[in-house]
Amino acid sequence: MKLTKRLLALVLGLTMLLCLAACAEQTETSTPIESSAESVAETSSETSAEASTEASLPEAAKFSVTVVDQDGNPVSGVYVQICKESCVFAMSDENGVAVFEAEITDGYKLSVLSLPEGYTYEGEAEIHLEYGATEYTLTLTKGN
């Protein structure tokens, strides 16, 4: 079971890295994406750390996604992304909150990349965000 969870985490991390590579614009200062297990773990840790440090940003420059189950309980470990011309990823924390450094304008879309085991998402694949939105709530269904 632990091996299965580790493999799933590795696959999800690699998927996230591949999405980053596909969505990100290449610049001369960008560094290549490594595909090792250590890199995946570091990227996941950095994403969580970035989300927590963004709490000090001005309110207008932040967008948060709160992830809950059908009973309103927070769900951690959900990878979400917002995209316009490029994509930004975040993972929900223990309070079910994922924070992005972004001011939402026309054209932003929110999507779910991965879910913890036992949860499903039955909403739209891409959620078009309203201009000026500062938060959004995603509701997941927890299986029996």
Protein backbone atom coordinates (compact mmCIF):
# COMPACT_ATOMS: atom_id res chain seq x y z
CA MET A 1 0.00 0.00 0.00
CA LYS A 2 2.84 2.40 0.88
CA LEU A 3 4.59 1.53 -2.38
CA THR A 4 1.38 2.20 -4.31
CA LYS A 5 0.99 5.60 -2.64
CA ARG A 6 4.62 6.47 -3.36
CA LEU A 7 4.27 5.44 -7.00
CA LEU A 8 1.07 7.45 -7.30
CA ALA A 9 2.79 10.49 -5.77
CA LEU A 10 5.71 10.07 -8.17
CA VAL A 11 3.41 9.74 -11.18
CA LEU A 12 1.40 12.80 -10.10
CA GLY A 13 4.57 14.78 -9.54
CA LEU A 14 5.95 13.82 -12.93
CA THR A 15 2.63 14.70 -14.52
CA MET A 16 2.77 18.09 -12.85
CA LEU A 17 6.30 18.63 -14.13
CA LEU A 18 5.27 17.66 -17.65
CA CYS A 19 2.35 20.09 -17.48
CA LEU A 20 4.73 22.79 -16.27
CA ALA A 21 7.04 22.12 -19.19
CA ALA A 22 4.16 22.18 -21.67
CA CYS A 23 2.60 25.37 -20.32
CA ALA A 24 5.66 27.42 -19.42
CA GLU A 25 7.23 29.76 -21.91
CA GLN A 26 10.91 29.04 -22.39
CA THR A 27 13.26 31.90 -21.58
CA GLU A 28 17.02 32.19 -21.69
CA THR A 29 17.15 32.20 -17.90
CA SER A 30 14.95 29.15 -17.40
CA THR A 31 16.47 25.97 -16.04
CA PRO A 32 15.72 22.52 -17.45
CA ILE A 33 13.16 20.41 -15.61
CA GLU A 34 14.67 17.35 -14.00
CA SER A 35 12.66 14.16 -13.97
CA SER A 36 14.10 12.49 -10.88
CA ALA A 37 12.09 11.50 -7.82
CA GLU A 38 14.06 14.02 -5.73
CA SER A 39 13.12 16.83 -8.10
CA VAL A 40 9.44 15.87 -7.88
CA ALA A 41 9.56 15.88 -4.08
CA GLU A 42 11.38 19.24 -4.04
CA THR A 43 8.88 20.76 -6.48
CA SER A 44 5.92 19.60 -4.35
CA SER A 45 7.54 21.03 -1.20
CA GLU A 46 8.34 24.32 -2.91
CA THR A 47 4.77 24.65 -4.20
CA SER A 48 3.41 24.26 -0.65
CA ALA A 49 6.01 26.68 0.71
CA GLU A 50 5.21 29.23 -2.00
CA ALA A 51 1.51 28.99 -1.21
CA SER A 52 2.11 29.69 2.48
CA THR A 53 4.44 32.65 1.84
CA GLU A 54 1.91 34.22 -0.51
CA ALA A 55 -0.33 34.90 2.48
CA SER A 56 1.53 38.20 2.94
CA LEU A 57 0.69 39.49 -0.57
CA PRO A 58 -1.84 42.28 -1.03
CA GLU A 59 -5.37 40.89 -1.30
CA ALA A 60 -5.81 42.12 -4.89
CA ALA A 61 -2.79 40.06 -6.02
CA LYS A 62 -4.02 36.74 -4.58
CA PHE A 63 -6.49 34.14 -5.74
CA SER A 64 -7.39 31.19 -3.52
CA VAL A 65 -9.14 27.92 -4.16
CA THR A 66 -10.80 26.19 -1.22
CA VAL A 67 -11.30 22.45 -1.67
CA VAL A 68 -13.96 20.71 0.42
CA ASP A 69 -15.79 17.39 0.35
CA GLN A 70 -19.56 17.01 0.05
CA ASP A 71 -19.85 17.50 3.85
CA GLY A 72 -17.87 20.75 3.81
CA ASN A 73 -14.69 19.23 5.27
CA PRO A 74 -11.38 20.59 3.89
CA VAL A 75 -9.46 18.32 1.51
CA SER A 76 -5.66 18.59 1.38
CA GLY A 77 -3.34 17.33 -1.34
CA VAL A 78 -5.42 18.46 -4.33
CA TYR A 79 -3.34 19.86 -7.21
CA VAL A 80 -5.08 22.69 -9.07
CA GLN A 81 -3.92 25.10 -11.73
CA ILE A 82 -4.94 28.44 -13.14
CA CYS A 83 -4.06 29.23 -16.74
CA LYS A 84 -4.22 32.16 -19.07
CA GLU A 85 -1.19 32.42 -21.33
CA SER A 86 0.77 30.11 -19.02
CA CYS A 87 -0.19 27.95 -16.06
CA VAL A 88 0.49 28.24 -12.34
CA PHE A 89 0.07 25.26 -10.02
CA ALA A 90 -0.71 24.93 -6.31
CA MET A 91 -1.68 22.20 -3.87
CA SER A 92 -4.37 22.52 -1.21
CA ASP A 93 -3.00 22.60 2.34
CA GLU A 94 -4.40 21.02 5.51
CA ASN A 95 -7.18 23.66 5.49
CA GLY A 96 -8.09 22.75 1.90
CA VAL A 97 -6.73 26.07 0.58
CA ALA A 98 -4.46 26.58 -2.44
CA VAL A 99 -3.20 30.15 -2.96
CA PHE A 100 -2.00 31.70 -6.21
CA GLU A 101 -0.17 34.96 -6.77
CA ALA A 102 -2.48 36.28 -9.44
CA GLU A 103 -5.01 38.99 -10.09
CA ILE A 104 -7.77 37.32 -12.10
CA THR A 105 -8.59 38.99 -15.40
CA ASP A 106 -10.52 37.83 -18.45
CA GLY A 107 -9.37 34.50 -19.84
CA TYR A 108 -8.25 32.74 -16.65
CA LYS A 109 -9.32 29.11 -16.28
CA LEU A 110 -9.13 26.86 -13.22
CA SER A 111 -8.71 23.10 -13.49
CA VAL A 112 -8.07 20.14 -11.20
CA LEU A 113 -4.89 18.20 -11.93
CA SER A 114 -4.98 15.43 -9.35
CA LEU A 115 -6.99 14.25 -6.37
CA PRO A 116 -6.14 12.28 -3.24
CA GLU A 117 -7.16 8.64 -3.26
CA GLY A 118 -10.86 8.11 -2.57
CA TYR A 119 -12.08 11.44 -3.99
CA THR A 120 -13.75 12.31 -7.28
CA TYR A 121 -14.51 15.63 -8.93
CA GLU A 122 -17.64 15.80 -11.05
CA GLY A 123 -17.48 19.45 -12.07
CA GLU A 124 -16.41 21.02 -15.33
CA ALA A 125 -12.93 20.21 -16.65
CA GLU A 126 -12.11 23.93 -17.04
CA ILE A 127 -13.79 26.55 -14.90
CA HIS A 128 -13.81 30.02 -16.45
CA LEU A 129 -13.06 32.51 -13.68
CA GLU A 130 -14.86 35.82 -13.44
CA TYR A 131 -12.88 39.03 -13.78
CA GLY A 132 -11.68 40.21 -10.36
CA ALA A 133 -12.41 36.90 -8.59
CA THR A 134 -10.40 36.42 -5.40
CA GLU A 135 -11.62 32.97 -4.39
CA TYR A 136 -13.34 29.85 -5.64
CA THR A 137 -14.63 26.74 -3.84
CA LEU A 138 -14.29 23.27 -5.37
CA THR A 139 -16.45 20.50 -3.97
CA LEU A 140 -15.23 16.91 -4.24
CA THR A 141 -17.10 13.70 -3.55
CA LYS A 142 -15.56 11.29 -1.09
CA GLY A 143 -16.13 7.63 -1.92
CA ASN A 144 -17.31 5.06 0.59
